[in-house]
Amino acid sequence: MVRYRRKYVAGGTYCFAVALRNRRARLLVAHIERLRAAFREVRQANPFEIVAIVILPEHLHAILTLADGDADYSTRWKRIKGGFTARLRQAGTALAKDRRGEYGLW
């Protein structure tokens, strides 16, 4: 199991690389509007600035700046990933569940 070391700095700027589990998938670009909607929804509830973002077929790179006094980027990514997954399911995209009962998208 991977042990992540995370640095939380309120109002910080962070660089992320986020990948789909299936590295041959094209879901991020094929459903870019759903991904954008997930980002918009999370930004309304938990503000952050997108400094830069690159969306590739199966992964993305993002530089985000959080609001002053806020260091909780983990919740934002959880909600972005969950929102995108939910939108794919609502659109009828077949997603298999893993052994824990979670959708194996990310």
N, C-alpha and C. Protein backbone atom coordinates (compact mmCIF):
# COMPACT_ATOMS: atom_id res chain seq x y z
N MET A 1 0.84 -1.18 0.00
CA MET A 1 0.00 0.00 0.00
C MET A 1 0.89 1.24 0.00
N VAL A 2 0.46 2.23 -0.73
CA VAL A 2 1.21 3.48 -0.84
C VAL A 2 0.99 4.32 0.41
N ARG A 3 2.07 4.86 0.94
CA ARG A 3 1.97 5.81 2.06
C ARG A 3 2.28 7.19 1.53
N TYR A 4 1.25 8.01 1.43
CA TYR A 4 1.43 9.36 0.93
C TYR A 4 1.88 10.28 2.05
N ARG A 5 2.79 11.17 1.73
CA ARG A 5 3.16 12.24 2.64
C ARG A 5 2.57 13.51 2.05
N ARG A 6 1.67 14.10 2.77
CA ARG A 6 0.98 15.27 2.25
C ARG A 6 1.29 16.49 3.09
N LYS A 7 1.50 17.56 2.41
CA LYS A 7 1.77 18.84 3.06
C LYS A 7 0.54 19.71 2.88
N TYR A 8 -0.02 20.17 3.97
CA TYR A 8 -1.20 21.02 3.93
C TYR A 8 -0.80 22.43 4.36
N VAL A 9 -0.95 23.39 3.43
CA VAL A 9 -0.64 24.79 3.70
C VAL A 9 -1.87 25.61 3.33
N ALA A 10 -2.43 26.29 4.30
CA ALA A 10 -3.62 27.11 4.04
C ALA A 10 -3.33 28.16 2.97
N GLY A 11 -4.21 28.23 1.98
CA GLY A 11 -4.04 29.19 0.90
C GLY A 11 -2.93 28.82 -0.07
N GLY A 12 -2.45 27.59 0.02
CA GLY A 12 -1.32 27.15 -0.80
C GLY A 12 -1.68 26.87 -2.25
N THR A 13 -0.65 26.78 -3.06
CA THR A 13 -0.78 26.40 -4.46
C THR A 13 -0.16 25.01 -4.60
N TYR A 14 -0.91 24.10 -5.20
CA TYR A 14 -0.52 22.70 -5.28
C TYR A 14 -0.56 22.21 -6.72
N CYS A 15 0.32 21.27 -7.01
CA CYS A 15 0.36 20.62 -8.32
C CYS A 15 -0.10 19.18 -8.15
N PHE A 16 -1.03 18.74 -9.00
CA PHE A 16 -1.58 17.39 -8.90
C PHE A 16 -1.50 16.69 -10.25
N ALA A 17 -1.32 15.38 -10.19
CA ALA A 17 -1.49 14.49 -11.34
C ALA A 17 -2.51 13.45 -10.89
N VAL A 18 -3.61 13.34 -11.61
CA VAL A 18 -4.69 12.44 -11.22
C VAL A 18 -4.99 11.54 -12.42
N ALA A 19 -4.96 10.22 -12.19
CA ALA A 19 -5.12 9.28 -13.30
C ALA A 19 -6.30 8.35 -13.09
N LEU A 20 -6.91 7.96 -14.21
CA LEU A 20 -7.91 6.91 -14.18
C LEU A 20 -7.20 5.58 -13.96
N ARG A 21 -7.90 4.63 -13.37
CA ARG A 21 -7.32 3.31 -13.13
C ARG A 21 -6.96 2.63 -14.44
N ASN A 22 -7.85 2.74 -15.42
CA ASN A 22 -7.60 2.15 -16.75
C ASN A 22 -6.85 3.19 -17.57
N ARG A 23 -5.57 2.98 -17.75
CA ARG A 23 -4.75 3.96 -18.45
C ARG A 23 -4.97 3.94 -19.96
N ARG A 24 -5.85 3.07 -20.45
CA ARG A 24 -6.20 3.07 -21.88
C ARG A 24 -7.54 3.78 -22.14
N ALA A 25 -8.20 4.17 -21.08
CA ALA A 25 -9.50 4.83 -21.20
C ALA A 25 -9.35 6.23 -21.80
N ARG A 26 -10.42 6.73 -22.37
CA ARG A 26 -10.44 8.07 -22.94
C ARG A 26 -11.57 8.90 -22.32
N LEU A 27 -11.98 8.49 -21.14
CA LEU A 27 -13.18 9.07 -20.53
C LEU A 27 -13.06 10.56 -20.21
N LEU A 28 -11.89 11.02 -19.83
CA LEU A 28 -11.78 12.43 -19.44
C LEU A 28 -12.03 13.36 -20.61
N VAL A 29 -11.51 13.02 -21.79
CA VAL A 29 -11.74 13.89 -22.95
C VAL A 29 -13.07 13.58 -23.62
N ALA A 30 -13.49 12.33 -23.56
CA ALA A 30 -14.78 11.96 -24.17
C ALA A 30 -15.96 12.57 -23.42
N HIS A 31 -15.77 12.85 -22.14
CA HIS A 31 -16.84 13.40 -21.30
C HIS A 31 -16.35 14.68 -20.62
N ILE A 32 -15.68 15.52 -21.38
CA ILE A 32 -15.07 16.73 -20.82
C ILE A 32 -16.10 17.66 -20.18
N GLU A 33 -17.29 17.76 -20.72
CA GLU A 33 -18.31 18.63 -20.12
C GLU A 33 -18.74 18.14 -18.75
N ARG A 34 -18.80 16.83 -18.58
CA ARG A 34 -19.13 16.28 -17.27
C ARG A 34 -18.01 16.55 -16.26
N LEU A 35 -16.78 16.46 -16.72
CA LEU A 35 -15.64 16.78 -15.85
C LEU A 35 -15.66 18.26 -15.47
N ARG A 36 -15.93 19.12 -16.44
CA ARG A 36 -16.02 20.56 -16.14
C ARG A 36 -17.13 20.85 -15.14
N ALA A 37 -18.27 20.16 -15.31
CA ALA A 37 -19.39 20.36 -14.38
C ALA A 37 -19.02 19.93 -12.97
N ALA A 38 -18.27 18.86 -12.84
CA ALA A 38 -17.82 18.41 -11.52
C ALA A 38 -16.91 19.45 -10.88
N PHE A 39 -15.98 20.00 -11.66
CA PHE A 39 -15.11 21.06 -11.15
C PHE A 39 -15.93 22.28 -10.73
N ARG A 40 -16.88 22.71 -11.57
CA ARG A 40 -17.69 23.89 -11.25
C ARG A 40 -18.46 23.69 -9.94
N GLU A 41 -19.06 22.52 -9.80
CA GLU A 41 -19.86 22.24 -8.61
C GLU A 41 -19.00 22.31 -7.34
N VAL A 42 -17.83 21.74 -7.39
CA VAL A 42 -16.95 21.74 -6.22
C VAL A 42 -16.44 23.16 -5.95
N ARG A 43 -16.10 23.90 -7.00
CA ARG A 43 -15.61 25.27 -6.82
C ARG A 43 -16.65 26.17 -6.16
N GLN A 44 -17.94 25.92 -6.44
CA GLN A 44 -18.99 26.73 -5.81
C GLN A 44 -19.06 26.46 -4.31
N ALA A 45 -18.94 25.20 -3.92
CA ALA A 45 -19.04 24.84 -2.51
C ALA A 45 -17.73 25.06 -1.75
N ASN A 46 -16.62 24.80 -2.40
CA ASN A 46 -15.29 24.90 -1.79
C ASN A 46 -14.38 25.65 -2.74
N PRO A 47 -14.35 26.98 -2.69
CA PRO A 47 -13.63 27.77 -3.68
C PRO A 47 -12.14 27.43 -3.80
N PHE A 48 -11.68 27.49 -5.03
CA PHE A 48 -10.27 27.36 -5.35
C PHE A 48 -10.06 27.94 -6.73
N GLU A 49 -8.82 28.32 -7.01
CA GLU A 49 -8.47 28.87 -8.32
C GLU A 49 -7.74 27.80 -9.12
N ILE A 50 -8.12 27.65 -10.37
CA ILE A 50 -7.39 26.77 -11.28
C ILE A 50 -6.34 27.65 -11.95
N VAL A 51 -5.09 27.45 -11.56
CA VAL A 51 -3.98 28.22 -12.13
C VAL A 51 -3.68 27.69 -13.53
N ALA A 52 -3.65 26.37 -13.65
CA ALA A 52 -3.41 25.71 -14.93
C ALA A 52 -3.97 24.30 -14.85
N ILE A 53 -4.42 23.79 -16.00
CA ILE A 53 -4.92 22.42 -16.03
C ILE A 53 -4.72 21.87 -17.44
N VAL A 54 -4.32 20.61 -17.50
CA VAL A 54 -4.17 19.90 -18.76
C VAL A 54 -4.96 18.61 -18.63
N ILE A 55 -5.92 18.42 -19.52
CA ILE A 55 -6.74 17.21 -19.50
C ILE A 55 -6.30 16.33 -20.66
N LEU A 56 -5.89 15.13 -20.33
CA LEU A 56 -5.50 14.13 -21.32
C LEU A 56 -6.53 13.01 -21.27
N PRO A 57 -6.51 12.08 -22.22
CA PRO A 57 -7.56 11.05 -22.26
C PRO A 57 -7.77 10.28 -20.96
N GLU A 58 -6.69 9.94 -20.26
CA GLU A 58 -6.84 9.09 -19.08
C GLU A 58 -6.23 9.69 -17.82
N HIS A 59 -5.71 10.89 -17.90
CA HIS A 59 -5.22 11.56 -16.69
C HIS A 59 -5.22 13.07 -16.88
N LEU A 60 -5.02 13.76 -15.79
CA LEU A 60 -4.97 15.22 -15.85
C LEU A 60 -3.87 15.73 -14.93
N HIS A 61 -3.40 16.91 -15.23
CA HIS A 61 -2.45 17.64 -14.39
C HIS A 61 -3.11 18.97 -14.06
N ALA A 62 -3.04 19.36 -12.80
CA ALA A 62 -3.68 20.61 -12.39
C ALA A 62 -2.84 21.32 -11.36
N ILE A 63 -2.81 22.64 -11.47
CA ILE A 63 -2.21 23.49 -10.44
C ILE A 63 -3.36 24.30 -9.87
N LEU A 64 -3.62 24.10 -8.59
CA LEU A 64 -4.74 24.74 -7.91
C LEU A 64 -4.24 25.58 -6.75
N THR A 65 -4.89 26.72 -6.53
CA THR A 65 -4.62 27.55 -5.37
C THR A 65 -5.87 27.58 -4.52
N LEU A 66 -5.71 27.27 -3.24
CA LEU A 66 -6.84 27.26 -2.32
C LEU A 66 -7.05 28.64 -1.71
N ALA A 67 -8.22 28.83 -1.16
CA ALA A 67 -8.57 30.10 -0.52
C ALA A 67 -7.73 30.30 0.75
N ASP A 68 -7.53 31.55 1.12
CA ASP A 68 -6.80 31.86 2.36
C ASP A 68 -7.46 31.13 3.53
N GLY A 69 -6.64 30.54 4.37
CA GLY A 69 -7.16 29.85 5.54
C GLY A 69 -7.66 28.45 5.26
N ASP A 70 -7.54 27.97 4.03
CA ASP A 70 -8.07 26.66 3.65
C ASP A 70 -6.94 25.81 3.08
N ALA A 71 -6.80 24.59 3.60
CA ALA A 71 -5.75 23.68 3.13
C ALA A 71 -6.32 22.33 2.71
N ASP A 72 -7.64 22.22 2.63
CA ASP A 72 -8.28 20.92 2.41
C ASP A 72 -8.45 20.59 0.94
N TYR A 73 -7.35 20.27 0.26
CA TYR A 73 -7.45 19.86 -1.14
C TYR A 73 -7.96 18.44 -1.28
N SER A 74 -7.80 17.61 -0.27
CA SER A 74 -8.24 16.21 -0.34
C SER A 74 -9.75 16.11 -0.56
N THR A 75 -10.50 16.91 0.19
CA THR A 75 -11.96 16.89 0.03
C THR A 75 -12.36 17.36 -1.36
N ARG A 76 -11.68 18.35 -1.87
CA ARG A 76 -11.99 18.84 -3.21
C ARG A 76 -11.81 17.72 -4.25
N TRP A 77 -10.68 17.02 -4.19
CA TRP A 77 -10.45 15.94 -5.16
C TRP A 77 -11.44 14.81 -4.97
N LYS A 78 -11.78 14.49 -3.75
CA LYS A 78 -12.77 13.45 -3.50
C LYS A 78 -14.10 13.83 -4.15
N ARG A 79 -14.50 15.07 -4.01
CA ARG A 79 -15.78 15.53 -4.57
C ARG A 79 -15.72 15.66 -6.09
N ILE A 80 -14.59 16.10 -6.63
CA ILE A 80 -14.46 16.19 -8.09
C ILE A 80 -14.55 14.80 -8.71
N LYS A 81 -13.79 13.87 -8.16
CA LYS A 81 -13.81 12.50 -8.68
C LYS A 81 -15.20 11.87 -8.53
N GLY A 82 -15.80 12.06 -7.36
CA GLY A 82 -17.14 11.51 -7.13
C GLY A 82 -18.18 12.13 -8.04
N GLY A 83 -18.10 13.44 -8.25
CA GLY A 83 -19.05 14.12 -9.12
C GLY A 83 -18.92 13.67 -10.56
N PHE A 84 -17.70 13.50 -11.02
CA PHE A 84 -17.49 13.03 -12.39
C PHE A 84 -18.00 11.60 -12.55
N THR A 85 -17.69 10.75 -11.58
CA THR A 85 -18.15 9.36 -11.62
C THR A 85 -19.68 9.31 -11.64
N ALA A 86 -20.32 10.10 -10.79
CA ALA A 86 -21.79 10.12 -10.75
C ALA A 86 -22.38 10.59 -12.07
N ARG A 87 -21.77 11.59 -12.67
CA ARG A 87 -22.26 12.09 -13.96
C ARG A 87 -22.10 11.04 -15.07
N LEU A 88 -21.01 10.31 -15.04
CA LEU A 88 -20.84 9.23 -16.02
C LEU A 88 -21.93 8.17 -15.86
N ARG A 89 -22.20 7.81 -14.61
CA ARG A 89 -23.24 6.80 -14.35
C ARG A 89 -24.61 7.30 -14.81
N GLN A 90 -24.91 8.57 -14.53
CA GLN A 90 -26.19 9.14 -14.95
C GLN A 90 -26.32 9.15 -16.46
N ALA A 91 -25.20 9.25 -17.16
CA ALA A 91 -25.20 9.26 -18.63
C ALA A 91 -25.27 7.85 -19.21
N GLY A 92 -25.23 6.84 -18.33
CA GLY A 92 -25.34 5.47 -18.80
C GLY A 92 -24.02 4.78 -19.07
N THR A 93 -22.91 5.38 -18.67
CA THR A 93 -21.61 4.75 -18.85
C THR A 93 -21.50 3.58 -17.88
N ALA A 94 -21.16 2.42 -18.40
CA ALA A 94 -21.02 1.22 -17.57
C ALA A 94 -19.70 1.29 -16.81
N LEU A 95 -19.79 1.24 -15.50
CA LEU A 95 -18.60 1.26 -14.64
C LEU A 95 -18.67 0.06 -13.71
N ALA A 96 -17.63 -0.74 -13.70
CA ALA A 96 -17.60 -1.91 -12.82
C ALA A 96 -17.19 -1.49 -11.41
N LYS A 97 -17.70 -2.24 -10.43
CA LYS A 97 -17.31 -2.00 -9.05
C LYS A 97 -16.14 -2.91 -8.70
N ASP A 98 -15.28 -2.41 -7.81
CA ASP A 98 -14.15 -3.22 -7.36
C ASP A 98 -14.57 -4.09 -6.18
N ARG A 99 -13.63 -4.79 -5.58
CA ARG A 99 -13.95 -5.73 -4.51
C ARG A 99 -14.49 -5.04 -3.26
N ARG A 100 -14.25 -3.74 -3.12
CA ARG A 100 -14.77 -2.98 -1.99
C ARG A 100 -16.15 -2.40 -2.27
N GLY A 101 -16.67 -2.65 -3.47
CA GLY A 101 -17.97 -2.10 -3.84
C GLY A 101 -17.93 -0.70 -4.37
N GLU A 102 -16.73 -0.19 -4.66
CA GLU A 102 -16.58 1.15 -5.20
C GLU A 102 -16.37 1.07 -6.70
N TYR A 103 -16.79 2.10 -7.39
CA TYR A 103 -16.56 2.13 -8.84
C TYR A 103 -15.07 2.26 -9.10
N GLY A 104 -14.55 1.39 -9.94
CA GLY A 104 -13.11 1.32 -10.19
C GLY A 104 -12.65 2.28 -11.25
N LEU A 105 -13.12 3.50 -11.23
CA LEU A 105 -12.77 4.47 -12.26
C LEU A 105 -11.41 5.11 -11.99
N TRP A 106 -11.15 5.52 -10.77
CA TRP A 106 -9.94 6.26 -10.43
C TRP A 106 -8.91 5.35 -9.80
